[in-house]
Amino acid sequence: MAGNKVYVQGNYVDIHDNEVVNLNIDKVGTLQMDEGMQTTEGDETLLTKLSLCFKDEDTARRFLISIKEMDDTEIVRLVKKYSDSKLCTDTSKALWKLLSEAGLYKTGYPNWNKQMNQR
């Protein structure tokens, strides 16, 4: 369906809210980033800081690229998935602050905290 988003994170594919999904996987392996998925020079400082909250820098990079077009609710949902998969090691106020200061997460910490604690 046009306009719906499908998120691929490692071995996980999020296809909710899509009535019909056809997947064609030509190659299984590491994430291959196309030109539209590059981090910018300005992202590198943020990436260094985000790496402290994730399993490794590659995971932090995939996360940063993934959230560029997400709204706040989608970001929290993805953080929870990363946390459940042990890919995100810090979901605290520190991660919220990094995302907030970078303008990627727009609502306040109380909203973040409430959503993070909902299961």
N, C-alpha and C. Protein backbone atom coordinates (compact mmCIF):
# COMPACT_ATOMS: atom_id res chain seq x y z
N MET A 1 0.85 -1.17 0.00
CA MET A 1 0.00 0.00 0.00
C MET A 1 0.89 1.23 0.00
N ALA A 2 0.58 2.17 -0.81
CA ALA A 2 1.38 3.38 -0.89
C ALA A 2 1.30 4.16 0.41
N GLY A 3 2.42 4.67 0.85
CA GLY A 3 2.45 5.51 2.03
C GLY A 3 2.70 4.77 3.33
N ASN A 4 2.56 3.46 3.36
CA ASN A 4 2.85 2.70 4.56
C ASN A 4 4.34 2.43 4.64
N LYS A 5 4.84 2.35 5.87
CA LYS A 5 6.27 2.12 6.08
C LYS A 5 6.49 0.69 6.52
N VAL A 6 7.55 0.10 6.04
CA VAL A 6 7.98 -1.21 6.48
C VAL A 6 9.39 -1.04 7.01
N TYR A 7 9.61 -1.46 8.25
CA TYR A 7 10.91 -1.31 8.88
C TYR A 7 11.61 -2.65 8.96
N VAL A 8 12.86 -2.67 8.56
CA VAL A 8 13.67 -3.88 8.63
C VAL A 8 14.81 -3.61 9.60
N GLN A 9 14.86 -4.40 10.66
CA GLN A 9 15.90 -4.26 11.66
C GLN A 9 16.52 -5.63 11.89
N GLY A 10 17.69 -5.86 11.33
CA GLY A 10 18.32 -7.17 11.48
C GLY A 10 17.43 -8.25 10.87
N ASN A 11 17.04 -9.21 11.69
CA ASN A 11 16.19 -10.30 11.22
C ASN A 11 14.72 -10.00 11.43
N TYR A 12 14.38 -8.81 11.87
CA TYR A 12 13.01 -8.44 12.20
C TYR A 12 12.43 -7.54 11.12
N VAL A 13 11.23 -7.84 10.66
CA VAL A 13 10.52 -7.00 9.69
C VAL A 13 9.20 -6.59 10.33
N ASP A 14 8.99 -5.30 10.48
CA ASP A 14 7.76 -4.77 11.06
C ASP A 14 6.82 -4.43 9.92
N ILE A 15 5.73 -5.20 9.79
CA ILE A 15 4.80 -5.00 8.68
C ILE A 15 3.40 -4.67 9.17
N HIS A 16 3.27 -4.27 10.43
CA HIS A 16 1.93 -3.97 10.94
C HIS A 16 1.30 -2.82 10.16
N ASP A 17 0.00 -2.76 10.18
CA ASP A 17 -0.77 -1.75 9.47
C ASP A 17 -0.68 -1.87 7.95
N ASN A 18 -0.20 -2.98 7.46
CA ASN A 18 -0.13 -3.23 6.02
C ASN A 18 -0.99 -4.45 5.72
N GLU A 19 -2.01 -4.28 4.87
CA GLU A 19 -2.91 -5.39 4.57
C GLU A 19 -2.23 -6.47 3.73
N VAL A 20 -1.42 -6.07 2.77
CA VAL A 20 -0.75 -7.02 1.90
C VAL A 20 0.73 -6.66 1.86
N VAL A 21 1.57 -7.65 2.10
CA VAL A 21 3.00 -7.42 2.07
C VAL A 21 3.65 -8.53 1.25
N ASN A 22 4.40 -8.15 0.25
CA ASN A 22 5.17 -9.09 -0.55
C ASN A 22 6.64 -8.77 -0.36
N LEU A 23 7.39 -9.73 0.13
CA LEU A 23 8.82 -9.52 0.35
C LEU A 23 9.60 -10.38 -0.61
N ASN A 24 10.61 -9.79 -1.21
CA ASN A 24 11.52 -10.52 -2.06
C ASN A 24 12.91 -10.28 -1.52
N ILE A 25 13.52 -11.30 -0.97
CA ILE A 25 14.84 -11.14 -0.38
C ILE A 25 15.84 -11.79 -1.31
N ASP A 26 16.66 -10.94 -1.93
CA ASP A 26 17.66 -11.44 -2.86
C ASP A 26 18.93 -11.88 -2.16
N LYS A 27 19.24 -11.22 -1.05
CA LYS A 27 20.51 -11.50 -0.38
C LYS A 27 20.33 -11.27 1.10
N VAL A 28 20.77 -12.19 1.89
CA VAL A 28 20.74 -12.04 3.34
C VAL A 28 22.16 -11.75 3.77
N GLY A 29 22.32 -10.73 4.57
CA GLY A 29 23.65 -10.37 5.04
C GLY A 29 23.59 -9.06 5.77
N THR A 30 24.66 -8.30 5.72
CA THR A 30 24.71 -7.04 6.42
C THR A 30 23.90 -5.99 5.70
N LEU A 31 23.53 -4.96 6.42
CA LEU A 31 22.76 -3.86 5.85
C LEU A 31 23.58 -3.16 4.78
N GLN A 32 23.02 -3.08 3.59
CA GLN A 32 23.65 -2.34 2.51
C GLN A 32 22.94 -1.01 2.39
N MET A 33 23.64 0.06 2.64
CA MET A 33 23.01 1.37 2.63
C MET A 33 23.12 1.98 1.25
N ASP A 34 21.98 2.42 0.71
CA ASP A 34 22.03 3.12 -0.55
C ASP A 34 22.28 4.60 -0.28
N GLU A 35 22.35 5.39 -1.33
CA GLU A 35 22.68 6.81 -1.20
C GLU A 35 21.73 7.55 -0.27
N GLY A 36 20.47 7.18 -0.26
CA GLY A 36 19.48 7.84 0.58
C GLY A 36 19.58 7.45 2.04
N MET A 37 20.42 6.50 2.39
CA MET A 37 20.52 6.02 3.76
C MET A 37 21.85 6.38 4.41
N GLN A 38 22.55 7.31 3.87
CA GLN A 38 23.84 7.70 4.43
C GLN A 38 23.67 8.59 5.65
N THR A 39 24.62 8.53 6.55
CA THR A 39 24.65 9.50 7.62
C THR A 39 25.43 10.71 7.11
N THR A 40 25.13 11.86 7.66
CA THR A 40 25.82 13.08 7.25
C THR A 40 26.97 13.35 8.19
N GLU A 41 27.81 14.33 7.84
CA GLU A 41 28.92 14.70 8.73
C GLU A 41 28.41 15.10 10.10
N GLY A 42 27.31 15.84 10.13
CA GLY A 42 26.74 16.27 11.40
C GLY A 42 26.25 15.10 12.25
N ASP A 43 25.89 14.00 11.59
CA ASP A 43 25.43 12.82 12.31
C ASP A 43 26.57 12.11 13.04
N GLU A 44 27.79 12.29 12.60
CA GLU A 44 28.90 11.54 13.17
C GLU A 44 29.12 11.82 14.65
N THR A 45 28.98 13.07 15.08
CA THR A 45 29.11 13.40 16.49
C THR A 45 27.99 12.74 17.28
N LEU A 46 26.78 12.84 16.77
CA LEU A 46 25.64 12.19 17.42
C LEU A 46 25.85 10.68 17.44
N LEU A 47 26.32 10.13 16.36
CA LEU A 47 26.54 8.69 16.27
C LEU A 47 27.54 8.21 17.33
N THR A 48 28.58 8.98 17.54
CA THR A 48 29.57 8.64 18.57
C THR A 48 28.91 8.56 19.94
N LYS A 49 28.04 9.53 20.22
CA LYS A 49 27.35 9.54 21.51
C LYS A 49 26.31 8.42 21.59
N LEU A 50 25.58 8.20 20.50
CA LEU A 50 24.57 7.14 20.48
C LEU A 50 25.20 5.76 20.65
N SER A 51 26.41 5.59 20.17
CA SER A 51 27.08 4.30 20.26
C SER A 51 27.21 3.82 21.70
N LEU A 52 27.23 4.76 22.63
CA LEU A 52 27.33 4.40 24.05
C LEU A 52 26.03 3.77 24.55
N CYS A 53 24.93 4.01 23.84
CA CYS A 53 23.62 3.50 24.25
C CYS A 53 23.24 2.21 23.52
N PHE A 54 24.05 1.80 22.55
CA PHE A 54 23.73 0.63 21.74
C PHE A 54 24.85 -0.39 21.82
N LYS A 55 24.55 -1.57 21.32
CA LYS A 55 25.49 -2.69 21.37
C LYS A 55 26.83 -2.34 20.71
N ASP A 56 26.76 -1.65 19.57
CA ASP A 56 27.97 -1.25 18.86
C ASP A 56 27.64 -0.10 17.91
N GLU A 57 28.64 0.42 17.26
CA GLU A 57 28.44 1.58 16.39
C GLU A 57 27.58 1.25 15.18
N ASP A 58 27.72 0.07 14.62
CA ASP A 58 26.89 -0.31 13.46
C ASP A 58 25.41 -0.34 13.83
N THR A 59 25.10 -0.84 15.01
CA THR A 59 23.72 -0.87 15.47
C THR A 59 23.21 0.55 15.66
N ALA A 60 24.03 1.40 16.26
CA ALA A 60 23.65 2.80 16.46
C ALA A 60 23.42 3.49 15.11
N ARG A 61 24.26 3.19 14.14
CA ARG A 61 24.13 3.79 12.80
C ARG A 61 22.81 3.35 12.15
N ARG A 62 22.50 2.05 12.22
CA ARG A 62 21.24 1.56 11.64
C ARG A 62 20.04 2.23 12.33
N PHE A 63 20.12 2.37 13.64
CA PHE A 63 19.05 3.01 14.39
C PHE A 63 18.89 4.46 13.93
N LEU A 64 19.99 5.20 13.88
CA LEU A 64 19.95 6.61 13.49
C LEU A 64 19.37 6.78 12.09
N ILE A 65 19.78 5.95 11.16
CA ILE A 65 19.25 6.03 9.80
C ILE A 65 17.76 5.72 9.79
N SER A 66 17.36 4.73 10.56
CA SER A 66 15.96 4.29 10.59
C SER A 66 15.01 5.35 11.12
N ILE A 67 15.45 6.13 12.10
CA ILE A 67 14.52 7.06 12.76
C ILE A 67 14.38 8.40 12.06
N LYS A 68 15.15 8.64 11.02
CA LYS A 68 15.13 9.93 10.33
C LYS A 68 13.73 10.38 9.91
N GLU A 69 12.88 9.47 9.49
CA GLU A 69 11.55 9.82 9.00
C GLU A 69 10.44 9.38 9.96
N MET A 70 10.80 8.98 11.17
CA MET A 70 9.81 8.49 12.13
C MET A 70 9.26 9.59 13.01
N ASP A 71 8.04 9.38 13.49
CA ASP A 71 7.51 10.28 14.51
C ASP A 71 7.93 9.75 15.88
N ASP A 72 7.63 10.49 16.93
CA ASP A 72 8.11 10.14 18.27
C ASP A 72 7.61 8.77 18.74
N THR A 73 6.36 8.45 18.46
CA THR A 73 5.81 7.17 18.87
C THR A 73 6.54 6.01 18.18
N GLU A 74 6.83 6.18 16.90
CA GLU A 74 7.54 5.14 16.16
C GLU A 74 8.96 4.97 16.69
N ILE A 75 9.59 6.07 17.07
CA ILE A 75 10.95 6.01 17.61
C ILE A 75 10.96 5.19 18.90
N VAL A 76 10.03 5.49 19.80
CA VAL A 76 9.98 4.75 21.07
C VAL A 76 9.71 3.27 20.81
N ARG A 77 8.82 2.98 19.89
CA ARG A 77 8.52 1.59 19.54
C ARG A 77 9.79 0.88 19.06
N LEU A 78 10.59 1.56 18.24
CA LEU A 78 11.82 0.96 17.74
C LEU A 78 12.85 0.80 18.85
N VAL A 79 12.96 1.78 19.74
CA VAL A 79 13.88 1.67 20.87
C VAL A 79 13.52 0.46 21.72
N LYS A 80 12.23 0.25 21.95
CA LYS A 80 11.79 -0.91 22.72
C LYS A 80 12.19 -2.22 22.03
N LYS A 81 12.04 -2.27 20.72
CA LYS A 81 12.43 -3.47 19.98
C LYS A 81 13.93 -3.71 20.08
N TYR A 82 14.71 -2.65 19.94
CA TYR A 82 16.16 -2.77 20.09
C TYR A 82 16.50 -3.23 21.50
N SER A 83 15.81 -2.68 22.49
CA SER A 83 16.07 -3.04 23.88
C SER A 83 15.71 -4.50 24.14
N ASP A 84 14.55 -4.94 23.65
CA ASP A 84 14.13 -6.33 23.82
C ASP A 84 15.12 -7.30 23.16
N SER A 85 15.74 -6.86 22.08
CA SER A 85 16.72 -7.69 21.36
C SER A 85 18.13 -7.52 21.90
N LYS A 86 18.26 -6.77 22.98
CA LYS A 86 19.56 -6.51 23.63
C LYS A 86 20.52 -5.74 22.72
N LEU A 87 19.97 -4.99 21.76
CA LEU A 87 20.79 -4.16 20.88
C LEU A 87 20.93 -2.75 21.42
N CYS A 88 19.97 -2.34 22.24
CA CYS A 88 20.02 -1.03 22.89
C CYS A 88 20.25 -1.28 24.37
N THR A 89 21.34 -0.74 24.89
CA THR A 89 21.72 -1.03 26.27
C THR A 89 21.32 0.07 27.24
N ASP A 90 20.85 1.20 26.74
CA ASP A 90 20.47 2.32 27.61
C ASP A 90 19.27 3.03 27.02
N THR A 91 18.11 2.87 27.64
CA THR A 91 16.90 3.52 27.17
C THR A 91 16.48 4.65 28.11
N SER A 92 17.41 5.13 28.87
CA SER A 92 17.12 6.10 29.91
C SER A 92 17.00 7.52 29.37
N LYS A 93 17.01 8.44 30.31
CA LYS A 93 16.93 9.87 29.97
C LYS A 93 18.10 10.31 29.10
N ALA A 94 19.24 9.65 29.23
CA ALA A 94 20.41 10.00 28.41
C ALA A 94 20.12 9.82 26.92
N LEU A 95 19.50 8.71 26.55
CA LEU A 95 19.16 8.48 25.14
C LEU A 95 18.12 9.49 24.67
N TRP A 96 17.09 9.72 25.50
CA TRP A 96 16.09 10.73 25.15
C TRP A 96 16.76 12.09 24.91
N LYS A 97 17.67 12.46 25.79
CA LYS A 97 18.32 13.76 25.68
C LYS A 97 19.12 13.88 24.38
N LEU A 98 19.84 12.84 24.02
CA LEU A 98 20.59 12.86 22.76
C LEU A 98 19.67 13.06 21.56
N LEU A 99 18.58 12.31 21.54
CA LEU A 99 17.63 12.41 20.42
C LEU A 99 16.91 13.75 20.42
N SER A 100 16.58 14.24 21.61
CA SER A 100 15.90 15.52 21.73
C SER A 100 16.79 16.67 21.27
N GLU A 101 18.02 16.70 21.75
CA GLU A 101 18.95 17.77 21.38
C GLU A 101 19.26 17.77 19.89
N ALA A 102 19.19 16.60 19.27
CA ALA A 102 19.43 16.49 17.83
C ALA A 102 18.18 16.83 17.02
N GLY A 103 17.06 17.08 17.72
CA GLY A 103 15.81 17.41 17.03
C GLY A 103 15.10 16.21 16.43
N LEU A 104 15.50 15.01 16.84
CA LEU A 104 14.90 13.80 16.30
C LEU A 104 13.70 13.33 17.10
N TYR A 105 13.69 13.63 18.39
CA TYR A 105 12.56 13.31 19.26
C TYR A 105 12.04 14.63 19.80
N LYS A 106 10.81 14.95 19.48
CA LYS A 106 10.33 16.31 19.70
C LYS A 106 9.57 16.53 21.01
N THR A 107 8.98 15.48 21.57
CA THR A 107 8.23 15.67 22.81
C THR A 107 9.13 15.49 24.02
N GLY A 108 8.61 15.90 25.16
CA GLY A 108 9.41 15.94 26.38
C GLY A 108 9.70 14.59 27.00
N TYR A 109 10.56 14.63 28.01
CA TYR A 109 10.96 13.41 28.69
C TYR A 109 9.79 12.69 29.36
N PRO A 110 8.82 13.40 29.97
CA PRO A 110 7.71 12.66 30.57
C PRO A 110 6.99 11.76 29.56
N ASN A 111 6.84 12.23 28.32
CA ASN A 111 6.23 11.43 27.27
C ASN A 111 7.08 10.20 26.95
N TRP A 112 8.39 10.42 26.80
CA TRP A 112 9.34 9.32 26.54
C TRP A 112 9.23 8.27 27.65
N ASN A 113 9.32 8.74 28.89
CA ASN A 113 9.32 7.84 30.04
C ASN A 113 8.02 7.05 30.11
N LYS A 114 6.90 7.70 29.88
CA LYS A 114 5.60 7.02 29.92
C LYS A 114 5.53 5.93 28.84
N GLN A 115 5.93 6.30 27.62
CA GLN A 115 5.88 5.31 26.53
C GLN A 115 6.86 4.16 26.74
N MET A 116 8.03 4.46 27.28
CA MET A 116 9.03 3.41 27.51
C MET A 116 8.56 2.42 28.55
N ASN A 117 7.74 2.87 29.50
CA ASN A 117 7.29 2.00 30.57
C ASN A 117 5.98 1.29 30.26
N GLN A 118 5.38 1.58 29.10
CA GLN A 118 4.17 0.86 28.68
C GLN A 118 4.59 -0.43 27.98
N ARG A 119 3.92 -1.49 28.27
CA ARG A 119 4.21 -2.78 27.61
C ARG A 119 2.97 -3.35 27.03
